[in-house]
Amino acid sequence: MTGESDLLNLETVALLQREFAPAVLAELVDLFAVEAAPILAQIDSGHDPSAADFHSLRGAALALGLTGVAAAAQSCEERIAAGRPAQMGRLRGLIDRSVAALCDRIGADQTRKSASVSSSVMSR
């Protein structure tokens, strides 16, 4: 089982909590879900996202302190750039666990934890 410290950069999350109101942080989580949705939809449909897609996902993840997602996205980006398969198998679960951990940490409502990424993907 992956621990919170493997999923989140707690210093970044603490900084975000100091700088933004809880409602704004919840909106940022929603925006991340919107950013991740097209990439997850491509994976679900059997298509490989581009290195640029993973680069964007990595940047969005880093901005929220989602270090586990950022590391996985960077690995996928580097593999694609080297002409190898991205190995994305666990990305959805990692994103879901990371968003849930972030929501727990910032006090976002329970519905975001399970629905943020999934609902964004389903609405596309």
PDB file of N, CA and C in Angstrom:
ATOM      1  N   MET A   1       0.841  -1.183   0.000  1.00  0.00           N
ATOM      2  CA  MET A   1       0.000   0.000   0.000  1.00  0.00           C
ATOM      3  C   MET A   1       0.887   1.248   0.000  1.00  0.00           C
ATOM      4  N   THR A   2       0.534   2.183  -0.808  1.00  0.00           N
ATOM      5  CA  THR A   2       1.286   3.414  -0.912  1.00  0.00           C
ATOM      6  C   THR A   2       0.846   4.367   0.188  1.00  0.00           C
ATOM      7  N   GLY A   3       1.810   4.953   0.885  1.00  0.00           N
ATOM      8  CA  GLY A   3       1.505   5.896   1.948  1.00  0.00           C
ATOM      9  C   GLY A   3       1.321   7.300   1.419  1.00  0.00           C
ATOM     10  N   GLU A   4       0.740   8.159   2.259  1.00  0.00           N
ATOM     11  CA  GLU A   4       0.493   9.546   1.867  1.00  0.00           C
ATOM     12  C   GLU A   4       1.765  10.244   1.423  1.00  0.00           C
ATOM     13  N   SER A   5       2.876   9.960   2.087  1.00  0.00           N
ATOM     14  CA  SER A   5       4.126  10.640   1.730  1.00  0.00           C
ATOM     15  C   SER A   5       4.647  10.196   0.362  1.00  0.00           C
ATOM     16  N   ASP A   6       4.201   9.036  -0.139  1.00  0.00           N
ATOM     17  CA  ASP A   6       4.564   8.608  -1.487  1.00  0.00           C
ATOM     18  C   ASP A   6       3.668   9.253  -2.539  1.00  0.00           C
ATOM     19  N   LEU A   7       2.533   9.751  -2.115  1.00  0.00           N
ATOM     20  CA  LEU A   7       1.566  10.344  -3.032  1.00  0.00           C
ATOM     21  C   LEU A   7       1.647  11.862  -3.092  1.00  0.00           C
ATOM     22  N   LEU A   8       1.928  12.475  -1.938  1.00  0.00           N
ATOM     23  CA  LEU A   8       1.847  13.929  -1.823  1.00  0.00           C
ATOM     24  C   LEU A   8       3.156  14.545  -1.337  1.00  0.00           C
ATOM     25  N   ASN A   9       3.447  15.734  -1.834  1.00  0.00           N
ATOM     26  CA  ASN A   9       4.494  16.558  -1.254  1.00  0.00           C
ATOM     27  C   ASN A   9       3.794  17.414  -0.202  1.00  0.00           C
ATOM     28  N   LEU A  10       3.969  17.055   1.054  1.00  0.00           N
ATOM     29  CA  LEU A  10       3.229  17.710   2.126  1.00  0.00           C
ATOM     30  C   LEU A  10       3.607  19.180   2.285  1.00  0.00           C
ATOM     31  N   GLU A  11       4.822  19.543   1.921  1.00  0.00           N
ATOM     32  CA  GLU A  11       5.215  20.962   1.973  1.00  0.00           C
ATOM     33  C   GLU A  11       4.434  21.775   0.945  1.00  0.00           C
ATOM     34  N   THR A  12       4.282  21.230  -0.246  1.00  0.00           N
ATOM     35  CA  THR A  12       3.506  21.929  -1.278  1.00  0.00           C
ATOM     36  C   THR A  12       2.050  22.048  -0.861  1.00  0.00           C
ATOM     37  N   VAL A  13       1.492  20.966  -0.320  1.00  0.00           N
ATOM     38  CA  VAL A  13       0.101  21.000   0.128  1.00  0.00           C
ATOM     39  C   VAL A  13      -0.077  22.029   1.242  1.00  0.00           C
ATOM     40  N   ALA A  14       0.852  22.083   2.176  1.00  0.00           N
ATOM     41  CA  ALA A  14       0.768  23.067   3.264  1.00  0.00           C
ATOM     42  C   ALA A  14       0.838  24.490   2.718  1.00  0.00           C
ATOM     43  N   LEU A  15       1.694  24.709   1.736  1.00  0.00           N
ATOM     44  CA  LEU A  15       1.790  26.031   1.103  1.00  0.00           C
ATOM     45  C   LEU A  15       0.468  26.390   0.428  1.00  0.00           C
ATOM     46  N   LEU A  16      -0.101  25.457  -0.290  1.00  0.00           N
ATOM     47  CA  LEU A  16      -1.392  25.707  -0.934  1.00  0.00           C
ATOM     48  C   LEU A  16      -2.467  26.033   0.106  1.00  0.00           C
ATOM     49  N   GLN A  17      -2.440  25.331   1.232  1.00  0.00           N
ATOM     50  CA  GLN A  17      -3.417  25.595   2.289  1.00  0.00           C
ATOM     51  C   GLN A  17      -3.243  26.983   2.898  1.00  0.00           C
ATOM     52  N   ARG A  18      -2.005  27.439   2.969  1.00  0.00           N
ATOM     53  CA  ARG A  18      -1.763  28.794   3.494  1.00  0.00           C
ATOM     54  C   ARG A  18      -2.189  29.863   2.496  1.00  0.00           C
ATOM     55  N   GLU A  19      -2.020  29.579   1.211  1.00  0.00           N
ATOM     56  CA  GLU A  19      -2.248  30.582   0.177  1.00  0.00           C
ATOM     57  C   GLU A  19      -3.688  30.655  -0.324  1.00  0.00           C
ATOM     58  N   PHE A  20      -4.424  29.559  -0.234  1.00  0.00           N
ATOM     59  CA  PHE A  20      -5.751  29.505  -0.838  1.00  0.00           C
ATOM     60  C   PHE A  20      -6.806  29.071   0.172  1.00  0.00           C
ATOM     61  N   ALA A  21      -7.995  29.613   0.010  1.00  0.00           N
ATOM     62  CA  ALA A  21      -9.144  29.194   0.815  1.00  0.00           C
ATOM     63  C   ALA A  21      -9.521  27.761   0.439  1.00  0.00           C
ATOM     64  N   PRO A  22     -10.152  27.024   1.356  1.00  0.00           N
ATOM     65  CA  PRO A  22     -10.535  25.640   1.056  1.00  0.00           C
ATOM     66  C   PRO A  22     -11.365  25.487  -0.227  1.00  0.00           C
ATOM     67  N   ALA A  23     -12.266  26.425  -0.468  1.00  0.00           N
ATOM     68  CA  ALA A  23     -13.091  26.334  -1.679  1.00  0.00           C
ATOM     69  C   ALA A  23     -12.244  26.478  -2.940  1.00  0.00           C
ATOM     70  N   VAL A  24     -11.237  27.320  -2.878  1.00  0.00           N
ATOM     71  CA  VAL A  24     -10.344  27.494  -4.029  1.00  0.00           C
ATOM     72  C   VAL A  24      -9.516  26.238  -4.243  1.00  0.00           C
ATOM     73  N   LEU A  25      -9.035  25.649  -3.161  1.00  0.00           N
ATOM     74  CA  LEU A  25      -8.280  24.400  -3.280  1.00  0.00           C
ATOM     75  C   LEU A  25      -9.147  23.297  -3.880  1.00  0.00           C
ATOM     76  N   ALA A  26     -10.392  23.239  -3.468  1.00  0.00           N
ATOM     77  CA  ALA A  26     -11.303  22.239  -4.036  1.00  0.00           C
ATOM     78  C   ALA A  26     -11.476  22.472  -5.536  1.00  0.00           C
ATOM     79  N   GLU A  27     -11.543  23.732  -5.945  1.00  0.00           N
ATOM     80  CA  GLU A  27     -11.625  24.046  -7.375  1.00  0.00           C
ATOM     81  C   GLU A  27     -10.361  23.599  -8.111  1.00  0.00           C
ATOM     82  N   LEU A  28      -9.216  23.771  -7.475  1.00  0.00           N
ATOM     83  CA  LEU A  28      -7.960  23.332  -8.100  1.00  0.00           C
ATOM     84  C   LEU A  28      -7.945  21.819  -8.295  1.00  0.00           C
ATOM     85  N   VAL A  29      -8.495  21.092  -7.334  1.00  0.00           N
ATOM     86  CA  VAL A  29      -8.603  19.635  -7.482  1.00  0.00           C
ATOM     87  C   VAL A  29      -9.505  19.314  -8.672  1.00  0.00           C
ATOM     88  N   ASP A  30     -10.616  20.039  -8.791  1.00  0.00           N
ATOM     89  CA  ASP A  30     -11.512  19.830  -9.925  1.00  0.00           C
ATOM     90  C   ASP A  30     -10.806  20.134 -11.251  1.00  0.00           C
ATOM     91  N   LEU A  31     -10.017  21.200 -11.279  1.00  0.00           N
ATOM     92  CA  LEU A  31      -9.281  21.548 -12.497  1.00  0.00           C
ATOM     93  C   LEU A  31      -8.268  20.464 -12.859  1.00  0.00           C
ATOM     94  N   PHE A  32      -7.640  19.874 -11.846  1.00  0.00           N
ATOM     95  CA  PHE A  32      -6.724  18.769 -12.113  1.00  0.00           C
ATOM     96  C   PHE A  32      -7.476  17.611 -12.753  1.00  0.00           C
ATOM     97  N   ALA A  33      -8.666  17.333 -12.240  1.00  0.00           N
ATOM     98  CA  ALA A  33      -9.474  16.249 -12.800  1.00  0.00           C
ATOM     99  C   ALA A  33      -9.805  16.524 -14.266  1.00  0.00           C
ATOM    100  N   VAL A  34     -10.097  17.770 -14.573  1.00  0.00           N
ATOM    101  CA  VAL A  34     -10.370  18.143 -15.965  1.00  0.00           C
ATOM    102  C   VAL A  34      -9.123  17.944 -16.819  1.00  0.00           C
ATOM    103  N   GLU A  35      -7.967  18.284 -16.299  1.00  0.00           N
ATOM    104  CA  GLU A  35      -6.702  18.110 -17.011  1.00  0.00           C
ATOM    105  C   GLU A  35      -6.393  16.628 -17.237  1.00  0.00           C
ATOM    106  N   ALA A  36      -6.680  15.801 -16.258  1.00  0.00           N
ATOM    107  CA  ALA A  36      -6.371  14.371 -16.353  1.00  0.00           C
ATOM    108  C   ALA A  36      -7.372  13.609 -17.215  1.00  0.00           C
ATOM    109  N   ALA A  37      -8.591  14.101 -17.306  1.00  0.00           N
ATOM    110  CA  ALA A  37      -9.664  13.362 -17.977  1.00  0.00           C
ATOM    111  C   ALA A  37      -9.342  12.944 -19.414  1.00  0.00           C
ATOM    112  N   PRO A  38      -8.853  13.835 -20.269  1.00  0.00           N
ATOM    113  CA  PRO A  38      -8.592  13.399 -21.647  1.00  0.00           C
ATOM    114  C   PRO A  38      -7.497  12.334 -21.742  1.00  0.00           C
ATOM    115  N   ILE A  39      -6.530  12.417 -20.869  1.00  0.00           N
ATOM    116  CA  ILE A  39      -5.446  11.425 -20.876  1.00  0.00           C
ATOM    117  C   ILE A  39      -5.997  10.067 -20.449  1.00  0.00           C
ATOM    118  N   LEU A  40      -6.798  10.056 -19.393  1.00  0.00           N
ATOM    119  CA  LEU A  40      -7.388   8.805 -18.931  1.00  0.00           C
ATOM    120  C   LEU A  40      -8.367   8.243 -19.961  1.00  0.00           C
ATOM    121  N   ALA A  41      -9.094   9.122 -20.637  1.00  0.00           N
ATOM    122  CA  ALA A  41     -10.019   8.668 -21.676  1.00  0.00           C
ATOM    123  C   ALA A  41      -9.252   8.002 -22.822  1.00  0.00           C
ATOM    124  N   GLN A  42      -8.107   8.572 -23.190  1.00  0.00           N
ATOM    125  CA  GLN A  42      -7.284   7.950 -24.239  1.00  0.00           C
ATOM    126  C   GLN A  42      -6.810   6.571 -23.806  1.00  0.00           C
ATOM    127  N   ILE A  43      -6.369   6.468 -22.574  1.00  0.00           N
ATOM    128  CA  ILE A  43      -5.902   5.176 -22.052  1.00  0.00           C
ATOM    129  C   ILE A  43      -7.048   4.173 -22.068  1.00  0.00           C
ATOM    130  N   ASP A  44      -8.221   4.604 -21.594  1.00  0.00           N
ATOM    131  CA  ASP A  44      -9.385   3.715 -21.532  1.00  0.00           C
ATOM    132  C   ASP A  44      -9.812   3.242 -22.914  1.00  0.00           C
ATOM    133  N   SER A  45      -9.617   4.076 -23.923  1.00  0.00           N
ATOM    134  CA  SER A  45     -10.032   3.703 -25.282  1.00  0.00           C
ATOM    135  C   SER A  45      -8.949   2.933 -26.030  1.00  0.00           C
ATOM    136  N   GLY A  46      -7.842   2.663 -25.348  1.00  0.00           N
ATOM    137  CA  GLY A  46      -6.775   1.883 -25.968  1.00  0.00           C
ATOM    138  C   GLY A  46      -5.781   2.697 -26.769  1.00  0.00           C
ATOM    139  N   HIS A  47      -5.857   4.000 -26.677  1.00  0.00           N
ATOM    140  CA  HIS A  47      -4.920   4.881 -27.381  1.00  0.00           C
ATOM    141  C   HIS A  47      -3.840   5.366 -26.423  1.00  0.00           C
ATOM    142  N   ASP A  48      -2.674   5.571 -26.948  1.00  0.00           N
ATOM    143  CA  ASP A  48      -1.570   6.052 -26.123  1.00  0.00           C
ATOM    144  C   ASP A  48      -1.505   7.572 -26.147  1.00  0.00           C
ATOM    145  N   PRO A  49      -1.579   8.214 -24.990  1.00  0.00           N
ATOM    146  CA  PRO A  49      -1.374   9.661 -24.942  1.00  0.00           C
ATOM    147  C   PRO A  49       0.048  10.007 -25.397  1.00  0.00           C
ATOM    148  N   SER A  50       0.239  11.234 -25.799  1.00  0.00           N
ATOM    149  CA  SER A  50       1.555  11.674 -26.261  1.00  0.00           C
ATOM    150  C   SER A  50       2.447  12.054 -25.082  1.00  0.00           C
ATOM    151  N   ALA A  51       3.726  12.202 -25.378  1.00  0.00           N
ATOM    152  CA  ALA A  51       4.667  12.676 -24.358  1.00  0.00           C
ATOM    153  C   ALA A  51       4.225  14.045 -23.839  1.00  0.00           C
ATOM    154  N   ALA A  52       3.710  14.888 -24.726  1.00  0.00           N
ATOM    155  CA  ALA A  52       3.242  16.218 -24.312  1.00  0.00           C
ATOM    156  C   ALA A  52       2.062  16.116 -23.346  1.00  0.00           C
ATOM    157  N   ASP A  53       1.176  15.136 -23.568  1.00  0.00           N
ATOM    158  CA  ASP A  53       0.059  14.931 -22.637  1.00  0.00           C
ATOM    159  C   ASP A  53       0.575  14.603 -21.240  1.00  0.00           C
ATOM    160  N   PHE A  54       1.548  13.704 -21.191  1.00  0.00           N
ATOM    161  CA  PHE A  54       2.110  13.330 -19.889  1.00  0.00           C
ATOM    162  C   PHE A  54       2.884  14.481 -19.260  1.00  0.00           C
ATOM    163  N   HIS A  55       3.510  15.299 -20.093  1.00  0.00           N
ATOM    164  CA  HIS A  55       4.229  16.470 -19.582  1.00  0.00           C
ATOM    165  C   HIS A  55       3.238  17.433 -18.919  1.00  0.00           C
ATOM    166  N   SER A  56       2.102  17.648 -19.563  1.00  0.00           N
ATOM    167  CA  SER A  56       1.065  18.525 -18.995  1.00  0.00           C
ATOM    168  C   SER A  56       0.510  17.957 -17.693  1.00  0.00           C
ATOM    169  N   LEU A  57       0.261  16.652 -17.690  1.00  0.00           N
ATOM    170  CA  LEU A  57      -0.236  16.005 -16.477  1.00  0.00           C
ATOM    171  C   LEU A  57       0.768  16.147 -15.342  1.00  0.00           C
ATOM    172  N   ARG A  58       2.045  15.972 -15.660  1.00  0.00           N
ATOM    173  CA  ARG A  58       3.092  16.100 -14.643  1.00  0.00           C
ATOM    174  C   ARG A  58       3.100  17.504 -14.044  1.00  0.00           C
ATOM    175  N   GLY A  59       3.012  18.523 -14.894  1.00  0.00           N
ATOM    176  CA  GLY A  59       3.004  19.902 -14.402  1.00  0.00           C
ATOM    177  C   GLY A  59       1.810  20.193 -13.508  1.00  0.00           C
ATOM    178  N   ALA A  60       0.637  19.725 -13.931  1.00  0.00           N
ATOM    179  CA  ALA A  60      -0.572  19.936 -13.119  1.00  0.00           C
ATOM    180  C   ALA A  60      -0.452  19.209 -11.784  1.00  0.00           C
ATOM    181  N   ALA A  61       0.104  17.998 -11.817  1.00  0.00           N
ATOM    182  CA  ALA A  61       0.268  17.226 -10.581  1.00  0.00           C
ATOM    183  C   ALA A  61       1.248  17.907  -9.636  1.00  0.00           C
ATOM    184  N   LEU A  62       2.356  18.376 -10.176  1.00  0.00           N
ATOM    185  CA  LEU A  62       3.353  19.047  -9.327  1.00  0.00           C
ATOM    186  C   LEU A  62       2.782  20.301  -8.669  1.00  0.00           C
ATOM    187  N   ALA A  63       1.946  21.031  -9.394  1.00  0.00           N
ATOM    188  CA  ALA A  63       1.355  22.259  -8.849  1.00  0.00           C
ATOM    189  C   ALA A  63       0.499  21.979  -7.620  1.00  0.00           C
ATOM    190  N   LEU A  64      -0.075  20.767  -7.546  1.00  0.00           N
ATOM    191  CA  LEU A  64      -0.911  20.398  -6.402  1.00  0.00           C
ATOM    192  C   LEU A  64      -0.180  19.550  -5.377  1.00  0.00           C
ATOM    193  N   GLY A  65       1.081  19.257  -5.630  1.00  0.00           N
ATOM    194  CA  GLY A  65       1.835  18.432  -4.698  1.00  0.00           C
ATOM    195  C   GLY A  65       1.586  16.947  -4.861  1.00  0.00           C
ATOM    196  N   LEU A  66       1.065  16.538  -6.008  1.00  0.00           N
ATOM    197  CA  LEU A  66       0.787  15.121  -6.277  1.00  0.00           C
ATOM    198  C   LEU A  66       2.045  14.470  -6.852  1.00  0.00           C
ATOM    199  N   THR A  67       3.006  14.250  -5.994  1.00  0.00           N
ATOM    200  CA  THR A  67       4.321  13.793  -6.455  1.00  0.00           C
ATOM    201  C   THR A  67       4.313  12.393  -7.055  1.00  0.00           C
ATOM    202  N   GLY A  68       3.468  11.522  -6.552  1.00  0.00           N
ATOM    203  CA  GLY A  68       3.387  10.179  -7.118  1.00  0.00           C
ATOM    204  C   GLY A  68       2.887  10.215  -8.554  1.00  0.00           C
ATOM    205  N   VAL A  69       1.860  11.009  -8.805  1.00  0.00           N
ATOM    206  CA  VAL A  69       1.330  11.154 -10.162  1.00  0.00           C
ATOM    207  C   VAL A  69       2.379  11.823 -11.056  1.00  0.00           C
ATOM    208  N   ALA A  70       3.035  12.847 -10.530  1.00  0.00           N
ATOM    209  CA  ALA A  70       4.055  13.544 -11.321  1.00  0.00           C
ATOM    210  C   ALA A  70       5.181  12.604 -11.730  1.00  0.00           C
ATOM    211  N   ALA A  71       5.625  11.761 -10.811  1.00  0.00           N
ATOM    212  CA  ALA A  71       6.706  10.815 -11.114  1.00  0.00           C
ATOM    213  C   ALA A  71       6.259   9.800 -12.162  1.00  0.00           C
ATOM    214  N   ALA A  72       5.034   9.304 -12.032  1.00  0.00           N
ATOM    215  CA  ALA A  72       4.526   8.335 -13.009  1.00  0.00           C
ATOM    216  C   ALA A  72       4.376   8.979 -14.377  1.00  0.00           C
ATOM    217  N   ALA A  73       3.867  10.205 -14.417  1.00  0.00           N
ATOM    218  CA  ALA A  73       3.709  10.910 -15.695  1.00  0.00           C
ATOM    219  C   ALA A  73       5.072  11.171 -16.338  1.00  0.00           C
ATOM    220  N   GLN A  74       6.066  11.530 -15.526  1.00  0.00           N
ATOM    221  CA  GLN A  74       7.402  11.757 -16.058  1.00  0.00           C
ATOM    222  C   GLN A  74       7.985  10.470 -16.633  1.00  0.00           C
ATOM    223  N   SER A  75       7.774   9.372 -15.942  1.00  0.00           N
ATOM    224  CA  SER A  75       8.253   8.083 -16.439  1.00  0.00           C
ATOM    225  C   SER A  75       7.604   7.744 -17.773  1.00  0.00           C
ATOM    226  N   CYS A  76       6.294   7.956 -17.881  1.00  0.00           N
ATOM    227  CA  CYS A  76       5.595   7.700 -19.145  1.00  0.00           C
ATOM    228  C   CYS A  76       6.129   8.608 -20.250  1.00  0.00           C
ATOM    229  N   GLU A  77       6.307   9.878 -19.919  1.00  0.00           N
ATOM    230  CA  GLU A  77       6.833  10.848 -20.887  1.00  0.00           C
ATOM    231  C   GLU A  77       8.208  10.420 -21.391  1.00  0.00           C
ATOM    232  N   GLU A  78       9.081  10.021 -20.485  1.00  0.00           N
ATOM    233  CA  GLU A  78      10.439   9.620 -20.863  1.00  0.00           C
ATOM    234  C   GLU A  78      10.440   8.342 -21.690  1.00  0.00           C
ATOM    235  N   ARG A  79       9.580   7.395 -21.343  1.00  0.00           N
ATOM    236  CA  ARG A  79       9.508   6.145 -22.098  1.00  0.00           C
ATOM    237  C   ARG A  79       9.040   6.409 -23.524  1.00  0.00           C
ATOM    238  N   ILE A  80       8.028   7.251 -23.679  1.00  0.00           N
ATOM    239  CA  ILE A  80       7.529   7.581 -25.012  1.00  0.00           C
ATOM    240  C   ILE A  80       8.619   8.280 -25.827  1.00  0.00           C
ATOM    241  N   ALA A  81       9.305   9.228 -25.203  1.00  0.00           N
ATOM    242  CA  ALA A  81      10.382   9.949 -25.895  1.00  0.00           C
ATOM    243  C   ALA A  81      11.490   9.006 -26.354  1.00  0.00           C
ATOM    244  N   ALA A  82      11.675   7.903 -25.623  1.00  0.00           N
ATOM    245  CA  ALA A  82      12.708   6.920 -25.975  1.00  0.00           C
ATOM    246  C   ALA A  82      12.172   5.853 -26.928  1.00  0.00           C
ATOM    247  N   GLY A  83      10.912   6.014 -27.360  1.00  0.00           N
ATOM    248  CA  GLY A  83      10.341   5.067 -28.301  1.00  0.00           C
ATOM    249  C   GLY A  83       9.840   3.775 -27.687  1.00  0.00           C
ATOM    250  N   ARG A  84       9.618   3.793 -26.377  1.00  0.00           N
ATOM    251  CA  ARG A  84       9.143   2.586 -25.672  1.00  0.00           C
ATOM    252  C   ARG A  84       7.703   2.803 -25.217  1.00  0.00           C
ATOM    253  N   PRO A  85       6.983   1.728 -24.901  1.00  0.00           N
ATOM    254  CA  PRO A  85       5.613   1.876 -24.382  1.00  0.00           C
ATOM    255  C   PRO A  85       5.617   2.617 -23.042  1.00  0.00           C
ATOM    256  N   ALA A  86       4.564   3.360 -22.803  1.00  0.00           N
ATOM    257  CA  ALA A  86       4.504   4.205 -21.602  1.00  0.00           C
ATOM    258  C   ALA A  86       4.292   3.435 -20.308  1.00  0.00           C
ATOM    259  N   GLN A  87       3.737   2.254 -20.341  1.00  0.00           N
ATOM    260  CA  GLN A  87       3.423   1.462 -19.141  1.00  0.00           C
ATOM    261  C   GLN A  87       2.532   2.252 -18.173  1.00  0.00           C
ATOM    262  N   MET A  88       1.312   2.467 -18.611  1.00  0.00           N
ATOM    263  CA  MET A  88       0.367   3.319 -17.893  1.00  0.00           C
ATOM    264  C   MET A  88      -0.598   2.552 -17.013  1.00  0.00           C
ATOM    265  N   GLY A  89      -0.426   1.263 -16.875  1.00  0.00           N
ATOM    266  CA  GLY A  89      -1.393   0.397 -16.221  1.00  0.00           C
ATOM    267  C   GLY A  89      -1.927   0.863 -14.886  1.00  0.00           C
ATOM    268  N   ARG A  90      -1.098   1.424 -14.046  1.00  0.00           N
ATOM    269  CA  ARG A  90      -1.551   1.792 -12.694  1.00  0.00           C
ATOM    270  C   ARG A  90      -1.839   3.277 -12.548  1.00  0.00           C
ATOM    271  N   LEU A  91      -1.813   4.022 -13.644  1.00  0.00           N
ATOM    272  CA  LEU A  91      -1.948   5.474 -13.558  1.00  0.00           C
ATOM    273  C   LEU A  91      -3.303   5.902 -12.988  1.00  0.00           C
ATOM    274  N   ARG A  92      -4.391   5.308 -13.474  1.00  0.00           N
ATOM    275  CA  ARG A  92      -5.723   5.699 -12.979  1.00  0.00           C
ATOM    276  C   ARG A  92      -5.829   5.496 -11.475  1.00  0.00           C
ATOM    277  N   GLY A  93      -5.422   4.332 -10.992  1.00  0.00           N
ATOM    278  CA  GLY A  93      -5.490   4.066  -9.558  1.00  0.00           C
ATOM    279  C   GLY A  93      -4.618   5.017  -8.762  1.00  0.00           C
ATOM    280  N   LEU A  94      -3.452   5.332  -9.299  1.00  0.00           N
ATOM    281  CA  LEU A  94      -2.553   6.270  -8.627  1.00  0.00           C
ATOM    282  C   LEU A  94      -3.178   7.659  -8.563  1.00  0.00           C
ATOM    283  N   ILE A  95      -3.787   8.084  -9.651  1.00  0.00           N
ATOM    284  CA  ILE A  95      -4.457   9.388  -9.651  1.00  0.00           C
ATOM    285  C   ILE A  95      -5.601   9.385  -8.639  1.00  0.00           C
ATOM    286  N   ASP A  96      -6.419   8.335  -8.648  1.00  0.00           N
ATOM    287  CA  ASP A  96      -7.545   8.267  -7.701  1.00  0.00           C
ATOM    288  C   ASP A  96      -7.071   8.308  -6.256  1.00  0.00           C
ATOM    289  N   ARG A  97      -6.038   7.509  -5.939  1.00  0.00           N
ATOM    290  CA  ARG A  97      -5.512   7.495  -4.553  1.00  0.00           C
ATOM    291  C   ARG A  97      -4.903   8.843  -4.177  1.00  0.00           C
ATOM    292  N   SER A  98      -4.209   9.466  -5.121  1.00  0.00           N
ATOM    293  CA  SER A  98      -3.566  10.750  -4.842  1.00  0.00           C
ATOM    294  C   SER A  98      -4.586  11.850  -4.622  1.00  0.00           C
ATOM    295  N   VAL A  99      -5.612  11.885  -5.461  1.00  0.00           N
ATOM    296  CA  VAL A  99      -6.669  12.891  -5.294  1.00  0.00           C
ATOM    297  C   VAL A  99      -7.395  12.671  -3.972  1.00  0.00           C
ATOM    298  N   ALA A 100      -7.650  11.410  -3.628  1.00  0.00           N
ATOM    299  CA  ALA A 100      -8.314  11.120  -2.341  1.00  0.00           C
ATOM    300  C   ALA A 100      -7.448  11.582  -1.172  1.00  0.00           C
ATOM    301  N   ALA A 101      -6.147  11.317  -1.234  1.00  0.00           N
ATOM    302  CA  ALA A 101      -5.241  11.744  -0.159  1.00  0.00           C
ATOM    303  C   ALA A 101      -5.189  13.264  -0.065  1.00  0.00           C
ATOM    304  N   LEU A 102      -5.164  13.932  -1.208  1.00  0.00           N
ATOM    305  CA  LEU A 102      -5.146  15.396  -1.205  1.00  0.00           C
ATOM    306  C   LEU A 102      -6.450  15.938  -0.631  1.00  0.00           C
ATOM    307  N   CYS A 103      -7.573  15.368  -1.033  1.00  0.00           N
ATOM    308  CA  CYS A 103      -8.859  15.823  -0.498  1.00  0.00           C
ATOM    309  C   CYS A 103      -8.935  15.618   1.016  1.00  0.00           C
ATOM    310  N   ASP A 104      -8.422  14.489   1.493  1.00  0.00           N
ATOM    311  CA  ASP A 104      -8.373  14.261   2.939  1.00  0.00           C
ATOM    312  C   ASP A 104      -7.538  15.335   3.622  1.00  0.00           C
ATOM    313  N   ARG A 105      -6.409  15.627   3.028  1.00  0.00           N
ATOM    314  CA  ARG A 105      -5.462  16.581   3.623  1.00  0.00           C
ATOM    315  C   ARG A 105      -6.036  17.993   3.649  1.00  0.00           C
ATOM    316  N   ILE A 106      -6.735  18.404   2.594  1.00  0.00           N
ATOM    317  CA  ILE A 106      -7.232  19.784   2.520  1.00  0.00           C
ATOM    318  C   ILE A 106      -8.657  19.922   3.046  1.00  0.00           C
ATOM    319  N   GLY A 107      -9.278  18.783   3.384  1.00  0.00           N
ATOM    320  CA  GLY A 107     -10.633  18.840   3.922  1.00  0.00           C
ATOM    321  C   GLY A 107     -11.707  19.022   2.869  1.00  0.00           C
ATOM    322  N   ALA A 108     -11.423  18.639   1.624  1.00  0.00           N
ATOM    323  CA  ALA A 108     -12.447  18.721   0.577  1.00  0.00           C
ATOM    324  C   ALA A 108     -13.515  17.679   0.855  1.00  0.00           C
ATOM    325  N   ASP A 109     -14.711  17.928   0.345  1.00  0.00           N
ATOM    326  CA  ASP A 109     -15.812  17.013   0.654  1.00  0.00           C
ATOM    327  C   ASP A 109     -15.563  15.612   0.100  1.00  0.00           C
ATOM    328  N   GLN A 110     -16.235  14.657   0.697  1.00  0.00           N
ATOM    329  CA  GLN A 110     -16.031  13.247   0.381  1.00  0.00           C
ATOM    330  C   GLN A 110     -16.351  12.903  -1.062  1.00  0.00           C
ATOM    331  N   THR A 111     -17.281  13.606  -1.691  1.00  0.00           N
ATOM    332  CA  THR A 111     -17.642  13.246  -3.058  1.00  0.00           C
ATOM    333  C   THR A 111     -16.496  13.491  -4.022  1.00  0.00           C
ATOM    334  N   ARG A 112     -15.672  14.478  -3.759  1.00  0.00           N
ATOM    335  CA  ARG A 112     -14.540  14.746  -4.644  1.00  0.00           C
ATOM    336  C   ARG A 112     -13.566  13.580  -4.651  1.00  0.00           C
ATOM    337  N   LYS A 113     -13.400  12.948  -3.498  1.00  0.00           N
ATOM    338  CA  LYS A 113     -12.395  11.887  -3.385  1.00  0.00           C
ATOM    339  C   LYS A 113     -12.639  10.766  -4.383  1.00  0.00           C
ATOM    340  N   SER A 114     -13.870  10.402  -4.574  1.00  0.00           N
ATOM    341  CA  SER A 114     -14.130   9.272  -5.457  1.00  0.00           C
ATOM    342  C   SER A 114     -14.604   9.698  -6.829  1.00  0.00           C
ATOM    343  N   ALA A 115     -15.073  10.929  -6.956  1.00  0.00           N
ATOM    344  CA  ALA A 115     -15.722  11.300  -8.203  1.00  0.00           C
ATOM    345  C   ALA A 115     -14.954  12.288  -9.066  1.00  0.00           C
ATOM    346  N   SER A 116     -13.969  12.986  -8.540  1.00  0.00           N
ATOM    347  CA  SER A 116     -13.326  14.041  -9.315  1.00  0.00           C
ATOM    348  C   SER A 116     -12.824  13.564 -10.664  1.00  0.00           C
ATOM    349  N   VAL A 117     -11.949  12.620 -10.660  1.00  0.00           N
ATOM    350  CA  VAL A 117     -11.352  12.167 -11.906  1.00  0.00           C
ATOM    351  C   VAL A 117     -12.347  11.312 -12.680  1.00  0.00           C
ATOM    352  N   SER A 118     -13.026  10.419 -12.005  1.00  0.00           N
ATOM    353  CA  SER A 118     -13.946   9.514 -12.692  1.00  0.00           C
ATOM    354  C   SER A 118     -15.065  10.272 -13.385  1.00  0.00           C
ATOM    355  N   SER A 119     -15.651  11.256 -12.716  1.00  0.00           N
ATOM    356  CA  SER A 119     -16.752  11.978 -13.328  1.00  0.00           C
ATOM    357  C   SER A 119     -16.277  12.842 -14.496  1.00  0.00           C
ATOM    358  N   SER A 120     -15.090  13.381 -14.402  1.00  0.00           N
ATOM    359  CA  SER A 120     -14.568  14.168 -15.508  1.00  0.00           C
ATOM    360  C   SER A 120     -14.347  13.301 -16.728  1.00  0.00           C
ATOM    361  N   VAL A 121     -13.893  12.089 -16.511  1.00  0.00           N
ATOM    362  CA  VAL A 121     -13.682  11.170 -17.621  1.00  0.00           C
ATOM    363  C   VAL A 121     -15.033  10.767 -18.202  1.00  0.00           C
ATOM    364  N   MET A 122     -15.994  10.478 -17.357  1.00  0.00           N
ATOM    365  CA  MET A 122     -17.296  10.015 -17.816  1.00  0.00           C
ATOM    366  C   MET A 122     -18.048  11.108 -18.564  1.00  0.00           C
ATOM    367  N   SER A 123     -17.808  12.369 -18.241  1.00  0.00           N
ATOM    368  CA  SER A 123     -18.546  13.448 -18.881  1.00  0.00           C
ATOM    369  C   SER A 123     -18.000  13.804 -20.253  1.00  0.00           C
ATOM    370  N   ARG A 124     -16.905  13.200 -20.650  1.00  0.00           N
ATOM    371  CA  ARG A 124     -16.304  13.528 -21.959  1.00  0.00           C
ATOM    372  C   ARG A 124     -16.795  12.597 -23.021  1.00  0.00           C
TER     373      ARG A 124
END
